[in-house]
């Protein structure tokens, strides 16, 4: 049977791997059916112009969409009609207590429908895992991938359960995490698991194996390990990323503890990847995940040109990305914050006779605390401001990014303006009003940072607390000194 007469069902086509598999099948002339909750979302994909109108059947090199839910047996059954090969590329990254059972149940629904429809083959993408570790001792998300593979292979439909590690590609969450950790941090002190050996693989190589597996012998029902040419420690991947792009070398020190929860929050703070997605990714890094066999090469052949090296995979992944975005944003933001700090420092005269003779409330902090607090807060503003602006840009949220920049600029003007009004101009009334405006602006900035990621809002929150306190303090000083304007 030729590719032009075969019908493929691809689930997860709006995801990164699924979208690449669907495109490769279309390029090879398959008729492709996509199960998706939204046909419009599929049509927005780069190859969406190859999707036929609703109600039409796809021809060679074309795609049709069946709108439905992968957990609904009726929707799956409709999607399976007349299908020759079905790709199961779903993994929810959920965190419910019944996550593993939910994943197994959805896979069972898919497998049953495939068996009833007489599908010739199922192709699934799971995860590499250590052979000497019991399934129940794996992280929930790695365990769910193993369990889903077993469900599909026990379905009665010949299944190729491919097992891979970190995928290197511009839309891979694992790679996005690596990229931004390497670009934004000169180094880090990390948990011991960063020394675990991981076998990364280029997205093009994964797609080669996933599509090629459709042509395995009819009775082949087993797992296959797939990976790049060599394993690397996770820490070394960060160093090698920098090396591949000729960036300053990164250092990595390890602590003798494993703290996946804290690591997830830290990564959620310094990268665009949400911490709830980071947790399962970290769970998969708790073990050595390396290729133990390359049997699939004997059936479908290695990728064209051989297995892609880590350096080449990185360069391919970033060829359309601005890898200098972070540096430009960080230095521009830091310059703005530094300028605010300088103006405020020059305007502030705590040793002046005028200031010393003001009546002050009992809750007035000691004078030494102010420069200490403001130094820490300015560093906080520069870091969180840079991270928030950069993340919004990475996520394509340009309207929010412009609004954030405007909000930060307004905040810095109010920040410096308060020092000028209070100390330089000695205008207690206007300074009190401006302190309220600064507190409101800071609260808004924290809110905007929290919309980028919860961690960023939490880390910037002390600035909001401090400016709120400063507003109360300024207002009280104004009340205690009504005739000192």
Protein backbone atom coordinates (compact mmCIF):
# COMPACT_ATOMS: atom_id res chain seq x y z
CA UNK A 1 0.00 0.00 0.00
CA UNK A 2 1.51 3.37 -1.00
CA UNK A 3 1.63 6.44 1.21
CA UNK A 4 -0.85 8.20 -1.07
CA UNK A 5 -3.56 5.65 -0.33
CA UNK A 6 -2.92 5.20 3.39
CA UNK A 7 -4.91 7.11 6.00
CA UNK A 8 -3.12 8.23 9.16
CA UNK A 9 -4.77 9.33 12.38
CA UNK A 10 -2.65 11.76 14.39
CA UNK A 11 -3.59 12.83 17.90
CA UNK A 12 -1.88 15.76 19.56
CA UNK A 13 -1.39 17.52 16.22
CA UNK A 14 -1.63 20.96 17.83
CA UNK A 15 1.27 19.99 20.09
CA UNK A 16 4.90 20.27 19.12
CA UNK A 17 5.73 16.64 18.27
CA UNK A 18 2.29 15.87 16.87
CA UNK A 19 2.38 18.88 14.59
CA UNK A 20 5.77 17.89 13.21
CA UNK A 21 4.65 14.30 12.64
CA UNK A 22 1.50 15.43 10.84
CA UNK A 23 3.49 17.74 8.59
CA UNK A 24 5.99 15.00 7.71
CA UNK A 25 3.18 12.60 6.85
CA UNK A 26 1.60 15.22 4.62
CA UNK A 27 4.93 15.85 2.93
CA UNK A 28 5.22 12.12 2.24
CA UNK A 29 1.79 12.08 0.61
CA UNK A 30 -0.26 10.41 3.33
CA UNK A 31 -3.90 11.22 3.79
CA UNK A 32 -4.00 12.56 7.35
CA UNK A 33 -6.87 12.72 9.81
CA UNK A 34 -6.45 14.82 12.92
CA UNK A 35 -8.43 14.46 16.14
CA UNK A 36 -8.67 17.87 17.77
CA UNK A 37 -11.07 19.82 19.93
CA UNK A 38 -10.80 22.73 17.49
CA UNK A 39 -10.54 22.62 13.71
CA UNK A 40 -9.80 26.35 13.71
CA UNK A 41 -6.76 25.80 15.93
CA UNK A 42 -5.45 23.19 13.48
CA UNK A 43 -5.94 25.58 10.57
CA UNK A 44 -3.80 28.15 12.39
CA UNK A 45 -0.80 25.81 12.25
CA UNK A 46 1.97 26.51 9.68
CA UNK A 47 0.61 23.75 7.41
CA UNK A 48 -3.03 24.58 8.16
CA UNK A 49 -3.70 25.51 4.53
CA UNK A 50 -3.54 21.79 3.72
CA UNK A 51 -6.62 21.08 5.85
CA UNK A 52 -9.71 20.46 3.71
CA UNK A 53 -13.08 22.05 4.36
CA UNK A 54 -15.36 20.52 6.98
CA UNK A 55 -17.12 17.43 5.67
CA UNK A 56 -14.58 16.75 2.91
CA UNK A 57 -12.24 13.76 2.84
CA UNK A 58 -8.52 14.42 2.67
CA UNK A 59 -6.65 13.42 -0.46
CA UNK A 60 -2.94 12.61 -0.69
CA UNK A 61 -0.94 15.32 1.09
CA UNK A 62 -4.07 16.76 2.67
CA UNK A 63 -5.53 16.69 6.18
CA UNK A 64 -9.05 16.46 7.55
CA UNK A 65 -10.15 17.24 11.10
CA UNK A 66 -12.46 15.26 13.32
CA UNK A 67 -13.47 17.52 16.18
CA UNK A 68 -13.65 15.63 19.42
CA UNK A 69 -12.10 14.68 22.73
CA UNK A 70 -9.46 11.95 23.01
CA UNK A 71 -11.07 10.73 26.23
CA UNK A 72 -14.49 10.25 24.59
CA UNK A 73 -14.97 6.71 23.20
CA UNK A 74 -17.49 7.86 20.57
CA UNK A 75 -15.21 10.62 19.28
CA UNK A 76 -12.26 8.22 19.11
CA UNK A 77 -14.35 5.61 17.29
CA UNK A 78 -15.40 8.18 14.65
CA UNK A 79 -11.79 9.23 14.16
CA UNK A 80 -10.60 5.61 13.74
CA UNK A 81 -12.83 4.71 10.79
CA UNK A 82 -10.77 3.33 7.86
CA UNK A 83 -7.48 4.32 9.49
CA UNK A 84 -4.36 2.35 8.53
CA UNK A 85 -1.96 3.67 11.20
CA UNK A 86 -2.66 5.74 14.31
CA UNK A 87 -0.20 7.95 16.21
CA UNK A 88 -0.87 8.32 19.92
CA UNK A 89 1.02 11.50 20.87
CA UNK A 90 -0.89 12.61 23.93
CA UNK A 91 0.51 13.31 27.37
CA UNK A 92 -1.39 15.76 29.52
CA UNK A 93 1.31 16.65 32.09
CA UNK A 94 -1.49 16.66 34.65
CA UNK A 95 -0.93 16.73 38.40
CA UNK A 96 -4.10 15.21 39.79
CA UNK A 97 -3.88 12.40 42.33
CA UNK A 98 -5.25 9.95 39.74
CA UNK A 99 -3.01 11.23 36.95
CA UNK A 100 -1.50 7.87 36.01
CA UNK A 101 -4.87 6.09 35.99
CA UNK A 102 -6.39 8.88 33.90
CA UNK A 103 -3.60 8.52 31.35
CA UNK A 104 -4.03 4.73 31.24
CA UNK A 105 -7.80 5.07 30.84
CA UNK A 106 -7.45 7.46 27.89
CA UNK A 107 -4.90 5.14 26.26
CA UNK A 108 -7.23 2.17 26.78
CA UNK A 109 -10.07 4.05 25.05
CA UNK A 110 -7.78 4.77 22.12
CA UNK A 111 -6.46 1.19 21.94
CA UNK A 112 -9.94 -0.35 22.07
CA UNK A 113 -11.16 1.88 19.26
CA UNK A 114 -8.10 1.05 17.16
CA UNK A 115 -8.65 -2.69 17.69
CA UNK A 116 -12.36 -2.48 16.84
CA UNK A 117 -11.61 -0.45 13.69
CA UNK A 118 -9.00 -2.92 12.43
CA UNK A 119 -6.14 -0.42 12.53
CA UNK A 120 -2.90 -2.00 11.33
CA UNK A 121 -0.49 -0.19 13.66
CA UNK A 122 -0.27 2.17 16.62
CA UNK A 123 2.80 4.38 17.06
CA UNK A 124 3.39 5.92 20.47
CA UNK A 125 6.06 8.23 21.93
CA UNK A 126 6.98 7.50 25.54
CA UNK A 127 10.05 8.15 27.66
CA UNK A 128 13.38 6.51 28.23
CA UNK A 129 13.73 5.06 31.72
CA UNK A 130 16.30 2.96 33.59
CA UNK A 131 15.89 -0.79 33.15
CA UNK A 132 16.95 -1.53 36.72
CA UNK A 133 14.27 0.67 38.31
CA UNK A 134 10.84 -0.77 39.04
CA UNK A 135 8.00 1.03 37.28
CA UNK A 136 6.37 1.99 40.58
CA UNK A 137 9.61 3.73 41.65
CA UNK A 138 9.63 6.07 38.66
CA UNK A 139 8.20 9.58 38.81
CA UNK A 140 4.46 9.71 38.14
CA UNK A 141 4.92 11.22 34.71
CA UNK A 142 7.61 8.83 33.60
CA UNK A 143 5.62 5.95 35.07
CA UNK A 144 2.52 7.06 33.18
CA UNK A 145 4.42 6.91 29.90
CA UNK A 146 5.60 3.39 30.63
CA UNK A 147 2.10 2.30 31.66
CA UNK A 148 0.49 3.87 28.59
CA UNK A 149 2.95 2.00 26.36
CA UNK A 150 1.96 -1.28 28.03
CA UNK A 151 -1.75 -0.55 27.53
CA UNK A 152 -1.24 0.10 23.83
CA UNK A 153 0.98 -2.95 23.31
CA UNK A 154 -1.60 -5.16 25.08
CA UNK A 155 -4.41 -3.92 22.83
CA UNK A 156 -4.09 -6.58 20.13
CA UNK A 157 -3.00 -3.91 17.64
CA UNK A 158 0.73 -4.11 16.75
CA UNK A 159 2.31 -1.16 18.53
CA UNK A 160 5.66 0.57 18.24
CA UNK A 161 6.26 2.28 21.59
CA UNK A 162 9.19 4.60 21.00
CA UNK A 163 11.06 5.76 24.10
CA UNK A 164 13.03 8.98 24.03
CA UNK A 165 14.67 11.47 26.36
CA UNK A 166 14.96 15.24 26.06
CA UNK A 167 13.86 16.45 22.62
CA UNK A 168 15.91 19.32 21.18
CA UNK A 169 13.65 21.59 19.17
CA UNK A 170 12.29 25.12 19.33
CA UNK A 171 8.87 24.03 20.64
CA UNK A 172 10.03 21.38 23.09
CA UNK A 173 9.36 22.37 26.72
CA UNK A 174 12.48 20.50 27.84
CA UNK A 175 14.61 22.40 25.35
CA UNK A 176 13.00 25.74 26.19
CA UNK A 177 13.97 25.11 29.79
CA UNK A 178 17.57 24.26 28.84
CA UNK A 179 17.84 27.22 26.50
CA UNK A 180 16.72 29.85 28.98
CA UNK A 181 18.65 28.45 31.91
CA UNK A 182 21.78 28.52 29.74
CA UNK A 183 21.10 32.00 28.33
CA UNK A 184 19.98 33.73 31.51
CA UNK A 185 22.24 32.26 34.18
CA UNK A 186 26.04 32.48 34.18
CA UNK A 187 25.96 29.43 36.42
CA UNK A 188 24.05 27.83 39.26
CA UNK A 189 24.17 25.65 42.35
CA UNK A 190 21.85 22.81 41.47
CA UNK A 191 20.54 19.55 42.95
CA UNK A 192 22.51 16.36 42.46
CA UNK A 193 20.19 15.14 39.70
CA UNK A 194 21.76 17.57 37.22
CA UNK A 195 24.59 15.00 37.10
CA UNK A 196 22.27 12.29 35.80
CA UNK A 197 22.99 11.15 32.26
CA UNK A 198 20.39 12.11 29.65
CA UNK A 199 20.41 11.15 25.97
CA UNK A 200 18.94 14.11 24.06
CA UNK A 201 17.64 13.77 20.51
CA UNK A 202 16.95 16.29 17.73
CA UNK A 203 13.28 16.77 16.89
CA UNK A 204 13.96 15.90 13.23
CA UNK A 205 15.36 12.54 14.32
CA UNK A 206 12.33 11.82 16.53
CA UNK A 207 9.98 12.58 13.65
CA UNK A 208 12.03 10.35 11.34
CA UNK A 209 11.56 7.40 13.69
CA UNK A 210 7.90 8.10 14.47
CA UNK A 211 6.90 8.27 10.82
CA UNK A 212 9.19 5.42 9.77
CA UNK A 213 7.68 3.12 12.42
CA UNK A 214 4.51 2.90 10.33
CA UNK A 215 6.41 0.54 8.00
CA UNK A 216 7.56 -1.96 10.62
CA UNK A 217 6.75 -5.66 10.00
CA UNK A 218 3.05 -6.26 10.53
CA UNK A 219 3.47 -8.34 13.68
CA UNK A 220 6.08 -6.12 15.40
CA UNK A 221 4.82 -5.19 18.87
CA UNK A 222 7.48 -3.80 21.20
CA UNK A 223 9.32 -0.82 22.64
CA UNK A 224 12.22 0.88 20.85
CA UNK A 225 14.79 3.21 22.37
CA UNK A 226 15.66 6.26 20.29
CA UNK A 227 18.19 8.96 21.08
CA UNK A 228 21.02 11.12 19.86
CA UNK A 229 24.59 9.92 19.36
CA UNK A 230 25.68 10.21 23.00
CA UNK A 231 24.39 10.80 26.52
CA UNK A 232 25.24 13.96 28.46
CA UNK A 233 24.85 15.02 32.04
CA UNK A 234 22.02 17.53 32.32
CA UNK A 235 24.48 20.12 33.64
CA UNK A 236 26.69 19.54 30.62
CA UNK A 237 23.77 20.21 28.29
CA UNK A 238 23.61 23.74 29.68
CA UNK A 239 27.34 24.16 29.11
CA UNK A 240 27.18 22.62 25.64
CA UNK A 241 24.27 24.88 24.68
CA UNK A 242 26.44 27.90 25.47
CA UNK A 243 29.35 26.35 23.58
CA UNK A 244 27.20 25.65 20.50
CA UNK A 245 26.25 29.33 20.30
CA UNK A 246 29.68 30.68 21.25
CA UNK A 247 28.46 32.15 24.52
CA UNK A 248 30.48 32.63 27.70
CA UNK A 249 31.03 29.24 29.38
CA UNK A 250 28.58 28.39 32.17
CA UNK A 251 29.54 26.81 35.49
CA UNK A 252 27.45 24.33 37.46
CA UNK A 253 27.97 23.29 41.07
CA UNK A 254 25.90 20.57 42.70
CA UNK A 255 24.41 20.44 46.18
CA UNK A 256 24.14 17.10 48.00
CA UNK A 257 20.34 17.30 48.11
CA UNK A 258 17.49 16.71 45.68
CA UNK A 259 14.77 19.35 45.80
CA UNK A 260 12.52 18.95 42.75
CA UNK A 261 9.75 21.15 44.16
CA UNK A 262 12.07 24.06 44.92
CA UNK A 263 13.82 23.56 41.58
CA UNK A 264 10.46 23.76 39.80
CA UNK A 265 9.70 27.12 41.43
CA UNK A 266 13.19 28.40 40.61
CA UNK A 267 12.92 27.39 36.96
CA UNK A 268 9.40 28.86 36.81
CA UNK A 269 10.96 32.11 38.02
CA UNK A 270 13.90 32.36 35.63
CA UNK A 271 12.43 30.78 32.46
CA UNK A 272 9.16 31.09 30.50
CA UNK A 273 8.21 27.49 31.42
CA UNK A 274 5.47 27.30 34.04
CA UNK A 275 6.42 25.52 37.26
CA UNK A 276 3.47 23.09 36.97
CA UNK A 277 4.98 21.92 33.67
CA UNK A 278 8.51 21.95 35.06
CA UNK A 279 7.64 19.48 37.83
CA UNK A 280 7.01 16.50 35.53
CA UNK A 281 10.03 17.43 33.41
CA UNK A 282 12.20 17.40 36.52
CA UNK A 283 10.60 14.10 37.53
CA UNK A 284 11.91 12.59 34.32
CA UNK A 285 15.41 13.85 35.15
CA UNK A 286 15.61 11.99 38.45
CA UNK A 287 17.05 8.94 36.69
CA UNK A 288 19.68 8.19 34.06
CA UNK A 289 17.74 7.96 30.79
CA UNK A 290 19.99 6.57 28.09
CA UNK A 291 19.53 4.44 24.99
CA UNK A 292 20.12 0.73 25.59
CA UNK A 293 19.49 -0.50 22.02
CA UNK A 294 19.08 0.96 18.53
CA UNK A 295 17.04 -1.83 16.97
CA UNK A 296 14.74 0.59 15.16
CA UNK A 297 17.64 1.60 12.93
CA UNK A 298 17.66 -1.96 11.56
CA UNK A 299 14.07 -1.57 10.35
CA UNK A 300 13.67 2.07 9.27
CA UNK A 301 17.30 3.17 9.00
CA UNK A 302 19.01 5.97 10.92
CA UNK A 303 18.04 9.60 10.23
CA UNK A 304 19.37 11.07 6.97
CA UNK A 305 22.96 12.10 7.61
CA UNK A 306 23.13 10.01 10.79
CA UNK A 307 22.16 10.81 14.34
CA UNK A 308 22.22 14.57 14.89
CA UNK A 309 24.83 15.79 17.38
CA UNK A 310 23.75 17.93 20.32
CA UNK A 311 25.52 21.00 18.91
CA UNK A 312 23.87 20.62 15.50
CA UNK A 313 20.48 19.99 17.10
CA UNK A 314 20.82 23.17 19.17
CA UNK A 315 21.83 25.26 16.17
CA UNK A 316 18.87 23.94 14.17
CA UNK A 317 16.50 24.62 17.06
CA UNK A 318 17.52 28.28 17.47
CA UNK A 319 18.03 29.26 13.83
CA UNK A 320 14.81 31.31 13.82
CA UNK A 321 15.06 32.51 17.43
CA UNK A 322 16.57 35.66 18.91
CA UNK A 323 19.08 34.18 21.35
CA UNK A 324 20.34 37.65 22.32
CA UNK A 325 16.89 38.87 23.44
CA UNK A 326 17.64 38.29 27.11
CA UNK A 327 20.92 40.21 27.14
CA UNK A 328 19.38 43.21 25.38
CA UNK A 329 16.37 43.35 27.70
CA UNK A 330 18.39 42.72 30.86
CA UNK A 331 20.92 45.47 30.23
CA UNK A 332 18.28 47.98 29.08
CA UNK A 333 16.10 47.32 32.12
CA UNK A 334 19.05 47.35 34.49
CA UNK A 335 20.19 50.68 33.04
CA UNK A 336 16.76 52.18 33.64
CA UNK A 337 16.63 50.93 37.22
CA UNK A 338 20.20 52.06 37.87
CA UNK A 339 19.39 55.54 36.56
CA UNK A 340 16.41 55.69 38.92
CA UNK A 341 18.61 54.61 41.83
CA UNK A 342 21.22 57.28 41.00
CA UNK A 343 18.64 60.07 40.72
CA UNK A 344 16.97 59.00 43.94
CA UNK A 345 20.29 58.73 45.75
CA UNK A 346 21.44 62.17 44.62
CA UNK A 347 18.15 63.74 45.64
CA UNK A 348 17.99 62.02 49.05
CA UNK A 349 19.56 64.06 51.88
CA UNK A 350 18.82 62.27 55.18
CA UNK A 351 21.53 64.30 56.97
CA UNK A 352 20.06 67.67 56.07
CA UNK A 353 18.96 69.98 58.88
CA UNK A 354 15.47 70.18 57.36
CA UNK A 355 14.98 66.41 57.47
CA UNK A 356 16.48 65.99 60.94
CA UNK A 357 14.10 68.56 62.41
CA UNK A 358 10.98 66.92 60.98
CA UNK A 359 8.69 65.20 63.46
CA UNK A 360 8.65 61.48 62.72
CA UNK A 361 6.41 58.64 63.88
CA UNK A 362 7.55 55.99 66.33
CA UNK A 363 7.51 53.36 63.56
CA UNK A 364 10.15 55.27 61.56
CA UNK A 365 12.87 52.68 60.72
CA UNK A 366 16.52 53.41 61.55
CA UNK A 367 18.31 55.40 58.87
CA UNK A 368 20.73 52.60 58.00
CA UNK A 369 17.85 50.38 56.84
CA UNK A 370 16.82 52.59 53.89
CA UNK A 371 19.93 52.19 51.69
CA UNK A 372 20.07 48.47 52.48
CA UNK A 373 16.41 47.96 51.61
CA UNK A 374 16.49 50.08 48.46
CA UNK A 375 19.63 48.37 47.14
CA UNK A 376 17.94 44.98 47.46
CA UNK A 377 14.68 46.28 46.00
CA UNK A 378 16.35 47.89 42.99
CA UNK A 379 18.08 44.56 42.25
CA UNK A 380 14.68 42.87 42.61
CA UNK A 381 13.02 45.32 40.21
CA UNK A 382 15.77 44.90 37.61
CA UNK A 383 15.69 41.10 37.77
CA UNK A 384 11.92 40.60 37.77
CA UNK A 385 11.33 43.39 35.28
CA UNK A 386 13.85 41.87 32.87
CA UNK A 387 12.48 38.35 33.28
CA UNK A 388 8.88 39.46 32.82
CA UNK A 389 9.57 41.55 29.72
CA UNK A 390 11.69 38.80 28.18
CA UNK A 391 9.14 36.06 28.91
CA UNK A 392 6.28 38.07 27.40
CA UNK A 393 8.39 38.51 24.28
CA UNK A 394 9.24 34.80 24.11
CA UNK A 395 5.55 33.92 24.43
CA UNK A 396 4.51 36.35 21.69
CA UNK A 397 2.47 38.46 24.11
CA UNK A 398 3.68 41.70 22.56
CA UNK A 399 0.71 43.83 23.64
CA UNK A 400 1.21 42.80 27.26
CA UNK A 401 4.95 43.30 26.88
CA UNK A 402 4.50 46.91 25.74
CA UNK A 403 2.05 47.55 28.58
CA UNK A 404 4.52 46.07 31.09
CA UNK A 405 7.36 48.27 29.82
CA UNK A 406 5.11 51.33 30.12
CA UNK A 407 4.05 50.33 33.64
CA UNK A 408 7.67 49.77 34.71
CA UNK A 409 8.78 53.11 33.23
CA UNK A 410 5.95 54.91 35.04
CA UNK A 411 6.90 53.20 38.28
CA UNK A 412 10.55 54.22 37.97
CA UNK A 413 9.59 57.84 37.26
CA UNK A 414 7.36 57.89 40.34
CA UNK A 415 10.12 56.22 42.35
CA UNK A 416 12.71 58.86 41.50
CA UNK A 417 10.11 61.64 41.64
CA UNK A 418 9.26 60.90 45.26
CA UNK A 419 12.86 61.49 46.37
CA UNK A 420 12.97 64.76 44.46
CA UNK A 421 9.67 66.02 45.89
CA UNK A 422 10.40 64.96 49.47
CA UNK A 423 14.08 65.69 49.98
CA UNK A 424 15.04 68.15 47.23
CA UNK A 425 11.86 70.22 46.94
CA UNK A 426 10.73 69.63 50.54
CA UNK A 427 7.12 69.32 49.39
CA UNK A 428 5.54 67.02 51.96
CA UNK A 429 2.00 67.21 50.58
CA UNK A 430 2.84 66.44 46.94
CA UNK A 431 5.33 63.78 48.14
CA UNK A 432 2.58 62.10 50.16
CA UNK A 433 0.31 62.06 47.12
CA UNK A 434 3.10 60.71 44.93
CA UNK A 435 3.93 58.01 47.47
CA UNK A 436 0.36 56.76 47.18
CA UNK A 437 0.65 56.78 43.38
CA UNK A 438 3.96 54.88 43.65
CA UNK A 439 2.40 52.25 45.92
CA UNK A 440 -0.51 51.81 43.50
CA UNK A 441 1.88 51.59 40.55
CA UNK A 442 4.01 49.01 42.34
CA UNK A 443 0.98 46.89 43.21
CA UNK A 444 0.02 46.98 39.54
CA UNK A 445 3.55 45.99 38.54
CA UNK A 446 3.44 43.02 40.91
CA UNK A 447 0.08 42.03 39.43
CA UNK A 448 1.49 42.17 35.91
CA UNK A 449 4.55 40.13 36.95
CA UNK A 450 2.28 37.55 38.57
CA UNK A 451 0.40 37.18 35.29
CA UNK A 452 3.69 36.25 33.62
CA UNK A 453 4.35 33.65 36.32
CA UNK A 454 3.27 33.27 39.91
CA UNK A 455 6.89 33.11 41.06
CA UNK A 456 7.73 36.49 39.56
CA UNK A 457 4.83 38.15 41.35
CA UNK A 458 5.84 36.58 44.66
CA UNK A 459 9.48 37.68 44.36
CA UNK A 460 8.51 41.26 43.46
CA UNK A 461 5.89 41.47 46.23
CA UNK A 462 8.35 42.90 48.84
CA UNK A 463 8.65 46.00 46.65
CA UNK A 464 4.89 46.49 46.88
CA UNK A 465 5.01 45.99 50.64
CA UNK A 466 7.83 48.49 51.02
CA UNK A 467 6.20 51.21 48.89
CA UNK A 468 2.90 50.73 50.73
CA UNK A 469 4.77 51.22 53.99
CA UNK A 470 6.56 54.25 52.52
CA UNK A 471 3.20 55.77 51.57
CA UNK A 472 1.94 55.37 55.14
CA UNK A 473 5.18 56.78 56.52
CA UNK A 474 5.19 59.77 54.16
CA UNK A 475 1.55 60.53 54.90
CA UNK A 476 2.18 60.33 58.65
CA UNK A 477 5.20 62.65 58.43
CA UNK A 478 3.07 65.07 56.43
CA UNK A 479 0.37 64.97 59.12
CA UNK A 480 2.91 65.49 61.88
CA UNK A 481 4.46 68.48 60.08
CA UNK A 482 1.52 70.41 58.55
CA UNK A 483 3.46 73.67 58.23
CA UNK A 484 6.77 72.39 56.90
CA UNK A 485 5.99 72.42 53.14
